């Protein structure tokens, strides 16, 4: 079973609008405002799974929580920074784990050499 690429453009605007129960003009507006950037093939907008998830979050923020456009932009920017920090922490943890593994291997080698 292949792993699905969430960034691959798959859906046309009409499909996304139907999925999210919004008018296609709403999606165009969000694009104009810079909240979403679907891929373009000539004049055709294609949305990825990641785009749909982002749009769903924007709609939940505005509909359910009453967040305005400026608030949505701040939240999206903070979310992006948080994800970047999470990735950086994961890299640091991998390096730390590598150091711990190397240290353990070195100690084990020394113990085995003493015997």
C-alpha atoms as a PDB file:
ATOM      1  CA  UNK A   1       0.000   0.000   0.000  1.00  0.00           C
ATOM      2  CA  UNK A   2       1.493   3.330  -1.100  1.00  0.00           C
ATOM      3  CA  UNK A   3       1.818   6.252   1.295  1.00  0.00           C
ATOM      4  CA  UNK A   4      -0.412   9.101   0.228  1.00  0.00           C
ATOM      5  CA  UNK A   5       1.324  12.411  -0.564  1.00  0.00           C
ATOM      6  CA  UNK A   6      -0.786  15.067   1.156  1.00  0.00           C
ATOM      7  CA  UNK A   7       0.773  17.792  -1.011  1.00  0.00           C
ATOM      8  CA  UNK A   8      -0.199  16.238  -4.348  1.00  0.00           C
ATOM      9  CA  UNK A   9      -2.815  18.390  -6.131  1.00  0.00           C
ATOM     10  CA  UNK A  10      -5.917  16.265  -6.661  1.00  0.00           C
ATOM     11  CA  UNK A  11      -9.192  18.153  -6.348  1.00  0.00           C
ATOM     12  CA  UNK A  12     -10.789  20.783  -8.546  1.00  0.00           C
ATOM     13  CA  UNK A  13     -12.394  23.803  -6.910  1.00  0.00           C
ATOM     14  CA  UNK A  14     -15.936  22.481  -7.419  1.00  0.00           C
ATOM     15  CA  UNK A  15     -15.080  19.238  -5.631  1.00  0.00           C
ATOM     16  CA  UNK A  16     -13.447  21.034  -2.692  1.00  0.00           C
ATOM     17  CA  UNK A  17     -16.360  23.458  -2.435  1.00  0.00           C
ATOM     18  CA  UNK A  18     -18.768  20.532  -2.259  1.00  0.00           C
ATOM     19  CA  UNK A  19     -16.599  18.665   0.256  1.00  0.00           C
ATOM     20  CA  UNK A  20     -16.494  21.678   2.567  1.00  0.00           C
ATOM     21  CA  UNK A  21     -20.031  22.927   1.888  1.00  0.00           C
ATOM     22  CA  UNK A  22     -18.941  26.342   0.669  1.00  0.00           C
ATOM     23  CA  UNK A  23     -19.387  28.294  -2.538  1.00  0.00           C
ATOM     24  CA  UNK A  24     -16.387  28.156  -4.916  1.00  0.00           C
ATOM     25  CA  UNK A  25     -16.221  31.950  -4.633  1.00  0.00           C
ATOM     26  CA  UNK A  26     -15.340  31.532  -0.947  1.00  0.00           C
ATOM     27  CA  UNK A  27     -12.325  29.458  -1.943  1.00  0.00           C
ATOM     28  CA  UNK A  28     -11.305  32.049  -4.526  1.00  0.00           C
ATOM     29  CA  UNK A  29     -11.610  34.749  -1.855  1.00  0.00           C
ATOM     30  CA  UNK A  30      -9.395  32.780   0.543  1.00  0.00           C
ATOM     31  CA  UNK A  31      -6.853  32.418  -2.249  1.00  0.00           C
ATOM     32  CA  UNK A  32      -6.921  36.164  -3.018  1.00  0.00           C
ATOM     33  CA  UNK A  33      -6.430  36.895   0.682  1.00  0.00           C
ATOM     34  CA  UNK A  34      -3.413  34.577   0.770  1.00  0.00           C
ATOM     35  CA  UNK A  35      -4.911  32.075   3.202  1.00  0.00           C
ATOM     36  CA  UNK A  36      -4.542  29.227   0.700  1.00  0.00           C
ATOM     37  CA  UNK A  37      -2.473  28.692  -2.429  1.00  0.00           C
ATOM     38  CA  UNK A  38      -3.773  25.860  -4.601  1.00  0.00           C
ATOM     39  CA  UNK A  39      -1.597  24.631  -7.447  1.00  0.00           C
ATOM     40  CA  UNK A  40      -2.414  26.002 -10.890  1.00  0.00           C
ATOM     41  CA  UNK A  41      -2.547  24.140 -14.180  1.00  0.00           C
ATOM     42  CA  UNK A  42      -3.223  26.836 -16.746  1.00  0.00           C
ATOM     43  CA  UNK A  43      -6.483  28.305 -15.369  1.00  0.00           C
ATOM     44  CA  UNK A  44      -7.443  25.250 -13.316  1.00  0.00           C
ATOM     45  CA  UNK A  45      -6.998  25.311  -9.540  1.00  0.00           C
ATOM     46  CA  UNK A  46      -6.031  21.997  -8.003  1.00  0.00           C
ATOM     47  CA  UNK A  47      -6.190  21.464  -4.251  1.00  0.00           C
ATOM     48  CA  UNK A  48      -4.197  18.889  -2.310  1.00  0.00           C
ATOM     49  CA  UNK A  49      -5.339  16.970   0.750  1.00  0.00           C
ATOM     50  CA  UNK A  50      -3.182  19.358   2.783  1.00  0.00           C
ATOM     51  CA  UNK A  51      -5.000  22.338   1.210  1.00  0.00           C
ATOM     52  CA  UNK A  52      -8.379  20.808   2.055  1.00  0.00           C
ATOM     53  CA  UNK A  53      -7.303  20.250   5.673  1.00  0.00           C
ATOM     54  CA  UNK A  54      -6.102  23.854   5.901  1.00  0.00           C
ATOM     55  CA  UNK A  55      -9.386  25.127   4.433  1.00  0.00           C
ATOM     56  CA  UNK A  56     -11.358  22.973   6.859  1.00  0.00           C
ATOM     57  CA  UNK A  57      -9.419  24.483   9.753  1.00  0.00           C
ATOM     58  CA  UNK A  58     -10.007  28.021   8.420  1.00  0.00           C
ATOM     59  CA  UNK A  59     -13.731  27.326   8.139  1.00  0.00           C
ATOM     60  CA  UNK A  60     -13.907  25.879  11.649  1.00  0.00           C
ATOM     61  CA  UNK A  61     -12.070  28.894  13.049  1.00  0.00           C
ATOM     62  CA  UNK A  62     -14.392  31.349  11.338  1.00  0.00           C
ATOM     63  CA  UNK A  63     -17.687  29.470  11.672  1.00  0.00           C
ATOM     64  CA  UNK A  64     -17.415  27.767  15.042  1.00  0.00           C
ATOM     65  CA  UNK A  65     -15.097  30.101  16.906  1.00  0.00           C
ATOM     66  CA  UNK A  66     -15.918  33.426  15.259  1.00  0.00           C
ATOM     67  CA  UNK A  67     -12.290  34.201  14.425  1.00  0.00           C
ATOM     68  CA  UNK A  68     -11.852  37.025  11.911  1.00  0.00           C
ATOM     69  CA  UNK A  69      -9.458  37.008   8.921  1.00  0.00           C
ATOM     70  CA  UNK A  70      -6.634  38.691  10.851  1.00  0.00           C
ATOM     71  CA  UNK A  71      -6.998  36.144  13.646  1.00  0.00           C
ATOM     72  CA  UNK A  72      -6.981  33.284  11.162  1.00  0.00           C
ATOM     73  CA  UNK A  73      -3.760  34.625   9.622  1.00  0.00           C
ATOM     74  CA  UNK A  74      -2.110  34.827  13.058  1.00  0.00           C
ATOM     75  CA  UNK A  75      -3.229  31.306  13.973  1.00  0.00           C
ATOM     76  CA  UNK A  76      -2.022  29.881  10.653  1.00  0.00           C
ATOM     77  CA  UNK A  77       1.339  31.624  11.015  1.00  0.00           C
ATOM     78  CA  UNK A  78       1.708  30.346  14.595  1.00  0.00           C
ATOM     79  CA  UNK A  79       0.745  26.843  13.506  1.00  0.00           C
ATOM     80  CA  UNK A  80       3.363  26.953  10.745  1.00  0.00           C
ATOM     81  CA  UNK A  81       6.037  28.071  13.230  1.00  0.00           C
ATOM     82  CA  UNK A  82       4.996  25.382  15.694  1.00  0.00           C
ATOM     83  CA  UNK A  83       5.267  22.686  13.012  1.00  0.00           C
ATOM     84  CA  UNK A  84       8.721  23.983  12.005  1.00  0.00           C
ATOM     85  CA  UNK A  85       9.842  23.941  15.655  1.00  0.00           C
ATOM     86  CA  UNK A  86       8.481  20.409  16.071  1.00  0.00           C
ATOM     87  CA  UNK A  87      10.498  19.218  13.065  1.00  0.00           C
ATOM     88  CA  UNK A  88      13.608  20.916  14.421  1.00  0.00           C
ATOM     89  CA  UNK A  89      13.095  19.274  17.828  1.00  0.00           C
ATOM     90  CA  UNK A  90      12.708  15.877  16.160  1.00  0.00           C
ATOM     91  CA  UNK A  91      16.015  16.415  14.337  1.00  0.00           C
ATOM     92  CA  UNK A  92      17.680  17.415  17.604  1.00  0.00           C
ATOM     93  CA  UNK A  93      16.274  14.350  19.358  1.00  0.00           C
ATOM     94  CA  UNK A  94      17.600  12.127  16.568  1.00  0.00           C
ATOM     95  CA  UNK A  95      21.043  13.698  16.970  1.00  0.00           C
ATOM     96  CA  UNK A  96      20.861  13.301  20.737  1.00  0.00           C
ATOM     97  CA  UNK A  97      19.825   9.679  20.367  1.00  0.00           C
ATOM     98  CA  UNK A  98      22.726   9.132  17.947  1.00  0.00           C
ATOM     99  CA  UNK A  99      25.108  10.653  20.515  1.00  0.00           C
ATOM    100  CA  UNK A 100      23.691   8.448  23.276  1.00  0.00           C
ATOM    101  CA  UNK A 101      23.988   5.372  21.048  1.00  0.00           C
ATOM    102  CA  UNK A 102      27.599   6.244  20.166  1.00  0.00           C
ATOM    103  CA  UNK A 103      28.404   6.850  23.829  1.00  0.00           C
ATOM    104  CA  UNK A 104      26.840   3.527  24.809  1.00  0.00           C
ATOM    105  CA  UNK A 105      28.699   1.692  22.028  1.00  0.00           C
ATOM    106  CA  UNK A 106      31.973   3.313  23.104  1.00  0.00           C
ATOM    107  CA  UNK A 107      31.424   2.361  26.757  1.00  0.00           C
ATOM    108  CA  UNK A 108      30.474  -1.169  25.760  1.00  0.00           C
ATOM    109  CA  UNK A 109      33.603  -1.451  23.595  1.00  0.00           C
ATOM    110  CA  UNK A 110      35.759  -0.287  26.514  1.00  0.00           C
ATOM    111  CA  UNK A 111      34.158  -2.788  28.878  1.00  0.00           C
ATOM    112  CA  UNK A 112      34.645  -5.622  26.399  1.00  0.00           C
ATOM    113  CA  UNK A 113      38.290  -4.629  25.845  1.00  0.00           C
ATOM    114  CA  UNK A 114      38.953  -4.712  29.619  1.00  0.00           C
ATOM    115  CA  UNK A 115      37.891  -8.335  29.880  1.00  0.00           C
END
